[in-house]
Protein backbone atom coordinates (compact mmCIF):
# COMPACT_ATOMS: atom_id res chain seq x y z
CA UNK A 1 -0.92 -33.40 19.06
CA UNK A 2 -2.36 -36.63 20.59
CA UNK A 3 -3.46 -38.96 17.78
CA UNK A 4 -6.24 -40.76 19.84
CA UNK A 5 -9.44 -41.03 17.98
CA UNK A 6 -11.75 -39.29 20.44
CA UNK A 7 -10.06 -35.83 20.72
CA UNK A 8 -11.24 -34.00 17.80
CA UNK A 9 -13.13 -35.91 15.08
CA UNK A 10 -15.27 -38.03 17.20
CA UNK A 11 -18.21 -35.25 17.01
CA UNK A 12 -18.08 -35.67 13.30
CA UNK A 13 -19.32 -39.24 13.60
CA UNK A 14 -22.59 -38.52 15.00
CA UNK A 15 -24.89 -40.90 13.01
CA UNK A 16 -27.91 -38.76 12.44
CA UNK A 17 -27.61 -37.61 8.85
CA UNK A 18 -30.53 -38.17 6.53
CA UNK A 19 -28.75 -41.26 4.93
CA UNK A 20 -28.45 -42.77 8.37
CA UNK A 21 -31.83 -44.47 8.62
CA UNK A 22 -31.86 -46.31 5.26
CA UNK A 23 -31.60 -49.79 6.85
CA UNK A 24 -29.17 -50.87 4.19
CA UNK A 25 -27.03 -53.53 5.28
CA UNK A 26 -24.36 -52.92 2.80
CA UNK A 27 -24.39 -49.08 3.64
CA UNK A 28 -24.23 -49.69 7.37
CA UNK A 29 -21.30 -51.98 6.83
CA UNK A 30 -19.28 -49.54 5.01
CA UNK A 31 -19.96 -46.72 7.39
CA UNK A 32 -19.00 -48.85 10.24
CA UNK A 33 -15.74 -49.67 8.41
CA UNK A 34 -15.17 -46.15 7.70
CA UNK A 35 -15.54 -45.40 11.54
CA UNK A 36 -12.96 -48.13 12.27
CA UNK A 37 -10.58 -46.51 9.78
CA UNK A 38 -10.96 -43.15 11.61
CA UNK A 39 -10.32 -44.67 14.95
CA UNK A 40 -7.22 -46.77 13.46
CA UNK A 41 -5.57 -43.55 11.64
CA UNK A 42 -5.94 -41.13 14.43
CA UNK A 43 -5.28 -37.47 13.69
CA UNK A 44 -2.42 -36.84 11.08
CA UNK A 45 0.49 -34.71 12.22
CA UNK A 46 3.10 -32.66 10.30
CA UNK A 47 5.29 -35.61 10.77
CA UNK A 48 3.41 -37.67 8.14
CA UNK A 49 4.45 -36.68 4.57
CA UNK A 50 0.87 -36.00 3.33
CA UNK A 51 0.47 -33.28 6.05
CA UNK A 52 4.10 -32.12 6.43
CA UNK A 53 3.26 -28.41 5.40
CA UNK A 54 -0.38 -28.34 6.86
CA UNK A 55 -1.24 -28.45 10.45
CA UNK A 56 -4.84 -29.63 11.61
CA UNK A 57 -4.51 -27.56 14.78
CA UNK A 58 -6.94 -24.48 13.62
CA UNK A 59 -9.45 -26.98 12.07
CA UNK A 60 -9.62 -29.01 15.45
CA UNK A 61 -9.85 -25.86 17.64
CA UNK A 62 -13.19 -24.85 16.03
CA UNK A 63 -15.24 -27.93 17.63
CA UNK A 64 -17.43 -28.57 14.54
CA UNK A 65 -20.43 -30.67 14.94
CA UNK A 66 -22.84 -32.22 12.37
CA UNK A 67 -25.42 -30.19 10.78
CA UNK A 68 -28.41 -32.17 12.51
CA UNK A 69 -31.28 -29.97 11.98
CA UNK A 70 -32.86 -28.45 8.84
CA UNK A 71 -31.71 -25.06 7.54
CA UNK A 72 -34.04 -22.22 7.75
CA UNK A 73 -36.13 -22.32 4.54
CA UNK A 74 -34.58 -20.37 1.57
CA UNK A 75 -36.39 -18.66 -1.47
CA UNK A 76 -35.12 -18.82 -4.97
CA UNK A 77 -34.46 -14.98 -4.70
CA UNK A 78 -32.09 -15.70 -1.88
CA UNK A 79 -29.98 -17.40 -4.39
CA UNK A 80 -30.02 -14.87 -7.24
CA UNK A 81 -27.07 -12.78 -5.92
CA UNK A 82 -24.93 -15.87 -6.05
CA UNK A 83 -25.82 -17.19 -9.51
CA UNK A 84 -23.70 -16.71 -12.70
CA UNK A 85 -25.44 -14.04 -15.00
CA UNK A 86 -26.64 -15.72 -17.98
CA UNK A 87 -25.74 -19.21 -17.23
CA UNK A 88 -28.13 -21.55 -18.67
CA UNK A 89 -27.84 -24.93 -16.67
CA UNK A 90 -29.29 -27.86 -14.97
CA UNK A 91 -29.07 -26.84 -11.61
CA UNK A 92 -28.72 -28.77 -8.29
CA UNK A 93 -28.66 -26.86 -5.14
CA UNK A 94 -27.40 -28.20 -1.42
CA UNK A 95 -27.80 -26.07 1.56
CA UNK A 96 -25.42 -27.07 4.22
CA UNK A 97 -24.72 -30.26 2.57
CA UNK A 98 -28.37 -31.21 1.98
CA UNK A 99 -30.10 -31.29 -1.43
CA UNK A 100 -33.02 -28.84 -1.78
CA UNK A 101 -35.34 -29.76 -4.59
CA UNK A 102 -37.04 -26.31 -4.22
CA UNK A 103 -33.90 -24.38 -5.15
CA UNK A 104 -32.86 -26.70 -7.90
CA UNK A 105 -33.94 -26.54 -11.42
CA UNK A 106 -34.20 -30.10 -12.95
CA UNK A 107 -36.99 -29.76 -15.14
CA UNK A 108 -36.87 -31.12 -18.63
CA UNK A 109 -33.77 -33.22 -18.20
CA UNK A 110 -32.60 -34.73 -21.48
CA UNK A 111 -33.00 -38.65 -22.00
CA UNK A 112 -30.39 -40.62 -20.63
CA UNK A 113 -29.54 -38.23 -17.61
CA UNK A 114 -30.60 -38.97 -14.06
CA UNK A 115 -29.91 -36.36 -11.34
CA UNK A 116 -31.19 -36.51 -7.75
CA UNK A 117 -30.39 -36.32 -4.01
CA UNK A 118 -28.30 -39.02 -2.67
CA UNK A 119 -30.50 -39.70 0.43
CA UNK A 120 -33.41 -39.79 -1.79
CA UNK A 121 -31.95 -42.22 -4.12
CA UNK A 122 -30.79 -44.41 -1.24
CA UNK A 123 -34.34 -44.67 -0.30
CA UNK A 124 -36.14 -45.15 -3.66
CA UNK A 125 -33.44 -46.95 -5.59
CA UNK A 126 -30.64 -48.21 -3.45
CA UNK A 127 -29.26 -50.75 -5.94
CA UNK A 128 -28.34 -47.66 -8.28
CA UNK A 129 -25.64 -46.87 -5.81
CA UNK A 130 -24.64 -50.16 -4.19
CA UNK A 131 -21.68 -50.74 -6.49
CA UNK A 132 -20.92 -46.97 -6.98
CA UNK A 133 -20.78 -45.65 -3.32
CA UNK A 134 -16.95 -46.31 -2.45
CA UNK A 135 -16.68 -47.83 -5.85
CA UNK A 136 -14.01 -45.28 -6.89
CA UNK A 137 -12.79 -44.10 -3.57
CA UNK A 138 -12.34 -47.75 -2.50
CA UNK A 139 -12.74 -49.27 0.87
CA UNK A 140 -9.54 -48.02 2.44
CA UNK A 141 -9.67 -44.19 2.49
CA UNK A 142 -7.83 -41.26 3.82
CA UNK A 143 -8.85 -39.59 7.08
CA UNK A 144 -11.35 -37.03 5.65
CA UNK A 145 -12.90 -39.42 3.09
CA UNK A 146 -13.44 -42.04 5.79
CA UNK A 147 -15.09 -39.25 7.88
CA UNK A 148 -17.43 -38.37 5.06
CA UNK A 149 -18.33 -41.93 4.49
CA UNK A 150 -18.99 -42.56 8.14
CA UNK A 151 -21.12 -39.25 8.63
CA UNK A 152 -22.24 -38.29 5.08
CA UNK A 153 -25.24 -36.01 5.17
CA UNK A 154 -26.61 -36.10 1.66
CA UNK A 155 -25.32 -35.25 -1.70
CA UNK A 156 -25.98 -35.55 -5.45
CA UNK A 157 -25.96 -38.38 -7.85
CA UNK A 158 -25.49 -37.77 -11.52
CA UNK A 159 -25.96 -40.69 -13.98
CA UNK A 160 -25.46 -40.53 -17.61
CA UNK A 161 -26.50 -43.38 -19.94
CA UNK A 162 -24.30 -44.87 -22.74
CA UNK A 163 -23.91 -42.56 -25.63
CA UNK A 164 -25.93 -39.73 -23.87
CA UNK A 165 -24.88 -36.24 -24.63
CA UNK A 166 -25.67 -33.11 -22.40
CA UNK A 167 -25.63 -29.92 -24.13
CA UNK A 168 -26.41 -27.79 -21.30
CA UNK A 169 -23.90 -27.98 -18.35
CA UNK A 170 -25.03 -29.43 -15.04
CA UNK A 171 -24.43 -26.94 -12.18
CA UNK A 172 -23.81 -28.16 -8.57
CA UNK A 173 -24.09 -25.31 -5.85
CA UNK A 174 -22.87 -25.90 -2.50
CA UNK A 175 -24.47 -23.14 -0.50
CA UNK A 176 -23.52 -22.62 3.23
CA UNK A 177 -25.72 -20.58 5.46
CA UNK A 178 -24.50 -19.74 9.15
CA UNK A 179 -26.10 -21.61 11.86
CA UNK A 180 -26.20 -21.14 15.75
CA UNK A 181 -22.90 -23.27 16.18
CA UNK A 182 -20.02 -24.21 14.19
CA UNK A 183 -21.21 -27.09 11.98
CA UNK A 184 -19.72 -29.44 9.45
CA UNK A 185 -21.44 -30.50 6.35
CA UNK A 186 -20.26 -33.72 4.73
CA UNK A 187 -22.01 -34.22 1.26
CA UNK A 188 -21.06 -37.16 -0.93
CA UNK A 189 -21.44 -37.15 -4.72
CA UNK A 190 -21.52 -39.87 -7.12
CA UNK A 191 -21.20 -38.92 -10.97
CA UNK A 192 -20.97 -41.73 -13.54
CA UNK A 193 -20.68 -41.38 -17.32
CA UNK A 194 -21.17 -44.59 -19.16
CA UNK A 195 -19.55 -45.57 -22.50
CA UNK A 196 -19.56 -42.74 -25.03
CA UNK A 197 -21.36 -40.11 -22.80
CA UNK A 198 -20.54 -36.32 -22.75
CA UNK A 199 -21.30 -33.84 -20.27
CA UNK A 200 -20.11 -30.42 -18.50
CA UNK A 201 -20.17 -30.23 -14.72
CA UNK A 202 -19.90 -26.99 -12.94
CA UNK A 203 -19.38 -27.19 -9.08
CA UNK A 204 -19.48 -23.98 -7.03
CA UNK A 205 -18.95 -23.57 -3.28
CA UNK A 206 -20.64 -20.38 -2.28
CA UNK A 207 -21.89 -18.98 1.10
CA UNK A 208 -24.28 -16.28 2.43
CA UNK A 209 -22.38 -14.15 4.78
CA UNK A 210 -19.09 -14.77 6.47
CA UNK A 211 -20.02 -17.51 8.73
CA UNK A 212 -17.84 -20.19 10.52
CA UNK A 213 -18.39 -23.76 9.26
CA UNK A 214 -16.70 -26.66 7.61
CA UNK A 215 -17.34 -28.35 4.20
CA UNK A 216 -15.95 -31.91 3.84
CA UNK A 217 -17.15 -33.06 0.64
CA UNK A 218 -16.20 -36.33 -1.53
CA UNK A 219 -16.94 -36.64 -5.13
CA UNK A 220 -16.49 -40.11 -6.79
CA UNK A 221 -16.28 -39.77 -10.47
CA UNK A 222 -16.24 -42.54 -13.01
CA UNK A 223 -15.94 -42.30 -16.95
CA UNK A 224 -16.61 -45.27 -19.14
CA UNK A 225 -15.12 -46.04 -22.35
CA UNK A 226 -14.59 -42.96 -24.68
CA UNK A 227 -16.77 -40.81 -22.20
CA UNK A 228 -15.99 -37.08 -22.26
CA UNK A 229 -16.25 -34.70 -19.19
CA UNK A 230 -15.31 -31.16 -18.52
CA UNK A 231 -15.45 -30.51 -14.83
CA UNK A 232 -15.09 -26.82 -13.31
CA UNK A 233 -14.66 -26.49 -9.46
CA UNK A 234 -14.91 -22.81 -8.21
CA UNK A 235 -14.55 -22.33 -4.45
CA UNK A 236 -15.56 -19.00 -3.12
CA UNK A 237 -16.45 -19.97 0.47
CA UNK A 238 -16.75 -17.69 3.60
CA UNK A 239 -13.61 -15.92 4.51
CA UNK A 240 -14.06 -17.77 8.03
CA UNK A 241 -14.93 -21.20 6.49
CA UNK A 242 -12.88 -24.48 6.46
CA UNK A 243 -13.01 -26.31 3.24
CA UNK A 244 -12.04 -30.03 2.56
CA UNK A 245 -12.57 -31.68 -0.75
CA UNK A 246 -11.83 -35.16 -2.07
CA UNK A 247 -11.99 -35.94 -5.78
CA UNK A 248 -11.64 -39.61 -6.80
CA UNK A 249 -11.66 -40.31 -10.43
CA UNK A 250 -11.67 -43.45 -12.60
CA UNK A 251 -10.88 -43.04 -16.36
CA UNK A 252 -11.96 -45.87 -18.53
CA UNK A 253 -10.23 -46.63 -21.88
CA UNK A 254 -10.20 -43.78 -24.32
CA UNK A 255 -12.02 -41.39 -22.05
CA UNK A 256 -11.10 -37.81 -21.61
CA UNK A 257 -11.40 -35.61 -18.49
CA UNK A 258 -10.71 -31.86 -18.10
CA UNK A 259 -10.89 -30.17 -14.69
CA UNK A 260 -10.32 -26.55 -13.82
CA UNK A 261 -9.94 -25.77 -10.18
CA UNK A 262 -10.03 -22.27 -8.87
CA UNK A 263 -9.57 -21.60 -5.08
CA UNK A 264 -10.37 -18.31 -3.86
CA UNK A 265 -12.37 -18.53 -0.65
CA UNK A 266 -12.12 -20.11 2.87
CA UNK A 267 -9.68 -19.47 5.78
CA UNK A 268 -8.29 -23.06 5.59
CA UNK A 269 -8.58 -24.99 2.38
CA UNK A 270 -7.47 -28.51 1.57
CA UNK A 271 -8.32 -30.26 -1.88
CA UNK A 272 -7.14 -33.70 -2.95
CA UNK A 273 -7.33 -34.84 -6.41
CA UNK A 274 -6.91 -38.55 -6.93
CA UNK A 275 -6.66 -40.12 -10.46
CA UNK A 276 -6.52 -43.64 -11.72
CA UNK A 277 -6.37 -44.91 -15.12
CA UNK A 278 -8.76 -48.03 -15.49
CA UNK A 279 -8.12 -48.19 -19.47
CA UNK A 280 -5.62 -47.54 -22.20
CA UNK A 281 -5.48 -44.28 -24.22
CA UNK A 282 -7.25 -42.25 -21.49
CA UNK A 283 -6.43 -38.29 -20.97
CA UNK A 284 -6.57 -36.39 -18.00
CA UNK A 285 -5.98 -32.65 -17.77
CA UNK A 286 -5.82 -30.78 -14.52
CA UNK A 287 -5.61 -27.19 -14.32
CA UNK A 288 -5.67 -24.86 -11.22
CA UNK A 289 -5.50 -21.41 -9.93
CA UNK A 290 -5.33 -20.28 -6.19
CA UNK A 291 -5.22 -17.15 -4.29
CA UNK A 292 -4.07 -16.88 -0.59
CA UNK A 293 -4.18 -13.64 1.34
CA UNK A 294 -3.73 -12.79 5.17
CA UNK A 295 -4.72 -15.77 7.36
CA UNK A 296 -5.52 -17.87 4.50
CA UNK A 297 -4.16 -21.46 3.68
CA UNK A 298 -4.78 -22.86 0.19
CA UNK A 299 -3.58 -26.54 -0.12
CA UNK A 300 -3.60 -28.78 -3.27
CA UNK A 301 -2.57 -32.35 -3.31
CA UNK A 302 -2.62 -34.40 -6.47
CA UNK A 303 -1.92 -37.98 -6.79
CA UNK A 304 -2.21 -39.38 -10.41
CA UNK A 305 -1.63 -43.02 -10.74
CA UNK A 306 -0.57 -44.48 -14.28
CA UNK A 307 -0.62 -48.26 -14.16
CA UNK A 308 -1.52 -48.81 -17.80
CA UNK A 309 0.18 -47.94 -20.93
CA UNK A 310 -0.60 -45.26 -23.47
CA UNK A 311 -2.25 -42.76 -21.18
CA UNK A 312 -1.63 -39.07 -20.67
CA UNK A 313 -1.96 -36.49 -17.87
CA UNK A 314 -1.31 -32.77 -17.52
CA UNK A 315 -1.17 -30.85 -14.36
CA UNK A 316 -0.82 -27.14 -14.48
CA UNK A 317 -1.41 -25.04 -11.29
CA UNK A 318 -0.67 -21.40 -10.56
CA UNK A 319 -0.90 -19.56 -7.23
CA UNK A 320 -0.88 -15.75 -6.36
CA UNK A 321 -0.09 -15.03 -2.65
CA UNK A 322 0.12 -11.82 -0.69
CA UNK A 323 0.10 -10.50 2.79
CA UNK A 324 0.72 -13.43 4.87
CA UNK A 325 -0.98 -15.99 2.67
CA UNK A 326 0.29 -19.59 2.52
CA UNK A 327 -0.22 -22.15 -0.14
CA UNK A 328 0.93 -25.79 -0.44
CA UNK A 329 1.21 -27.66 -3.67
CA UNK A 330 2.03 -31.39 -3.34
CA UNK A 331 1.83 -33.13 -6.72
CA UNK A 332 2.79 -36.85 -7.54
CA UNK A 333 2.63 -38.54 -10.60
CA UNK A 334 3.41 -42.32 -10.36
CA UNK A 335 4.30 -44.44 -13.45
CA UNK A 336 4.09 -48.25 -12.99
CA UNK A 337 6.54 -50.57 -14.75
CA UNK A 338 3.78 -51.67 -17.25
CA UNK A 339 2.78 -48.16 -18.07
CA UNK A 340 4.78 -48.02 -21.15
CA UNK A 341 4.22 -44.84 -23.42
CA UNK A 342 3.04 -42.77 -20.64
CA UNK A 343 2.92 -38.90 -21.44
CA UNK A 344 2.77 -36.82 -18.28
CA UNK A 345 3.74 -33.30 -17.43
CA UNK A 346 3.52 -31.37 -14.18
CA UNK A 347 3.92 -27.61 -13.46
CA UNK A 348 3.40 -25.33 -10.59
CA UNK A 349 4.16 -21.71 -10.77
CA UNK A 350 3.70 -18.99 -7.95
CA UNK A 351 3.53 -15.31 -7.69
CA UNK A 352 4.54 -13.74 -4.39
CA UNK A 353 3.36 -10.13 -3.89
CA UNK A 354 4.70 -9.70 -0.43
CA UNK A 355 7.45 -10.83 1.94
CA UNK A 356 5.22 -12.33 4.30
CA UNK A 357 3.62 -14.77 1.67
CA UNK A 358 4.84 -18.39 1.64
CA UNK A 359 4.38 -21.31 -0.69
CA UNK A 360 5.54 -25.01 -0.12
CA UNK A 361 5.73 -26.57 -3.51
CA UNK A 362 6.64 -30.21 -4.27
CA UNK A 363 5.99 -31.74 -7.66
CA UNK A 364 6.97 -35.29 -7.83
CA UNK A 365 7.63 -38.02 -10.53
CA UNK A 366 8.04 -41.70 -9.63
CA UNK A 367 8.77 -43.47 -12.85
CA UNK A 368 9.33 -47.33 -12.96
CA UNK A 369 8.85 -47.66 -16.84
CA UNK A 370 11.62 -46.83 -19.59
CA UNK A 371 9.47 -45.68 -22.45
CA UNK A 372 7.80 -42.61 -21.09
CA UNK A 373 7.91 -38.90 -21.73
CA UNK A 374 7.31 -37.16 -18.39
CA UNK A 375 8.30 -33.84 -17.01
CA UNK A 376 7.91 -31.58 -13.98
CA UNK A 377 8.80 -28.12 -12.78
CA UNK A 378 8.00 -25.35 -10.30
CA UNK A 379 8.87 -21.67 -10.02
CA UNK A 380 8.37 -18.91 -7.36
CA UNK A 381 8.83 -15.27 -8.38
CA UNK A 382 7.60 -11.71 -8.02
CA UNK A 383 6.20 -9.06 -10.32
CA UNK A 384 9.03 -7.59 -12.35
CA UNK A 385 9.64 -4.07 -11.31
CA UNK A 386 10.20 -2.90 -14.83
CA UNK A 387 6.66 -4.12 -15.77
CA UNK A 388 5.10 -2.23 -13.01
CA UNK A 389 7.06 0.79 -13.62
CA UNK A 390 5.99 0.69 -17.31
CA UNK A 391 2.14 0.65 -16.32
CA UNK A 392 2.75 3.30 -13.69
CA UNK A 393 4.52 5.59 -16.11
CA UNK A 394 1.36 5.68 -18.30
CA UNK A 395 -0.74 6.87 -15.42
CA UNK A 396 -1.99 3.52 -14.33
CA UNK A 397 -2.44 3.36 -10.34
CA UNK A 398 -0.31 0.95 -8.49
CA UNK A 399 -3.30 -1.36 -7.41
CA UNK A 400 -4.71 -1.37 -10.89
CA UNK A 401 -1.39 -2.16 -12.53
CA UNK A 402 -0.91 -5.09 -10.01
CA UNK A 403 -4.27 -6.43 -11.15
CA UNK A 404 -3.60 -6.38 -14.71
CA UNK A 405 -0.14 -8.13 -14.17
CA UNK A 406 -1.69 -10.75 -12.10
CA UNK A 407 -4.54 -11.43 -14.31
CA UNK A 408 -2.00 -11.79 -17.13
CA UNK A 409 -0.17 -14.34 -15.12
CA UNK A 410 -3.55 -16.06 -14.31
CA UNK A 411 -4.93 -15.83 -17.68
CA UNK A 412 -3.71 -19.29 -18.98
CA UNK A 413 -5.89 -20.89 -16.19
CA UNK A 414 -8.97 -18.37 -16.38
CA UNK A 415 -9.11 -19.10 -20.17
CA UNK A 416 -9.89 -22.46 -19.58
CA UNK A 417 -13.30 -21.66 -18.01
CA UNK A 418 -16.57 -21.89 -19.93
CA UNK A 419 -18.90 -20.54 -20.91
CA UNK A 420 -17.87 -16.84 -21.10
CA UNK A 421 -20.30 -15.80 -18.40
CA UNK A 422 -18.49 -17.98 -15.83
CA UNK A 423 -14.99 -17.11 -16.94
CA UNK A 424 -16.05 -13.24 -16.55
CA UNK A 425 -17.40 -13.78 -13.10
CA UNK A 426 -14.25 -15.67 -11.74
CA UNK A 427 -11.84 -13.07 -13.48
CA UNK A 428 -13.72 -10.18 -11.87
CA UNK A 429 -13.63 -11.94 -8.71
CA UNK A 430 -9.78 -12.65 -8.95
CA UNK A 431 -9.23 -9.16 -10.15
CA UNK A 432 -11.14 -7.35 -7.35
CA UNK A 433 -9.32 -9.36 -4.78
CA UNK A 434 -6.03 -8.41 -6.19
CA UNK A 435 -6.78 -4.78 -6.44
CA UNK A 436 -7.79 -4.57 -3.14
CA UNK A 437 -4.98 -6.62 -1.60
CA UNK A 438 -2.74 -4.93 0.87
CA UNK A 439 0.81 -5.24 -0.47
CA UNK A 440 4.05 -4.81 1.42
């Protein structure tokens, strides 16, 4: 694959998104710098370690271009089939990467909570974002984060003041609707919790129909001292979609962050989770579950960087693969020389339901300190025939028995989802997929 900058991602750099006409010198400078980074980096190949198991050929073949025009207006009733029954939340809706106030529900926000569209806030209050946009991701970014910075469409901003506590979850819905040509949406989100703030964020990627499109999202998330956030990411995009997500997290002293990642949809999906500890005694808990069936790739990359002492991290990901599904788990925990008393554990376990399924798993520890508690492990296995026989002997059909055993395997991750309505919906989606899956 030729690595010149103009042979694949140049169309993504069209500068006509709603945030492009702000006239802000600092934003224009960052976007220009991001374009230069894209040109300098070129297109990653499988010779590069970060892309060793994942080829970009399928993505480049689609010829995606930016979502330049407005989407056909939707009514709230169009959204109803995609909602979580009974979930009471402050709802923020994006359609093809653009914030849609008419579909959102942001009435009666509690004191100390500010939620709005990125493009809107860049026009009305740009100073609120000057130090936050790229503040966590940094000026030097990987390819897809740089593409997002250069061609960002819109996005969502969530700011929580010092000590504020939000009882109701904040739900961020990425809704994709098919258009006349293959389009890429590049939403950029900024979420910041000041000292002592507490909140719950539910992020869902959904679609109407089975359209071909690409989502390239970036979320910059910062937690101040003693802040607490539970973050749940559910990806159920179109079976023809391409999904790219980059999460950049900064943890202040004493802060706590839990993230539950569920990847079920999209034909080709890549998620990068980047964690940096900015203060001591911070805690990070990353849980994940992914399913991959025929012609489906599910790729998770974790980079957890311990450079300060007395911090802890947990990474626990499980995968279920069937047909000719493929998955990649590439997890790295780095412990610097001065990061004494680090407590880190990484685990990746996979269940293969067919001979054609494939997983590449590579958990890594890089430890440069001597007073630490760190571990990592990985397993790849199949359903035990004895367990399947036991259920079949009691009159349970093979598909239902498979569903029960796989849900038992996935239950540790699913049980982390809250509230019950969200957990039940995701468990049903997982179970239905498994029961209908063709097995060798």
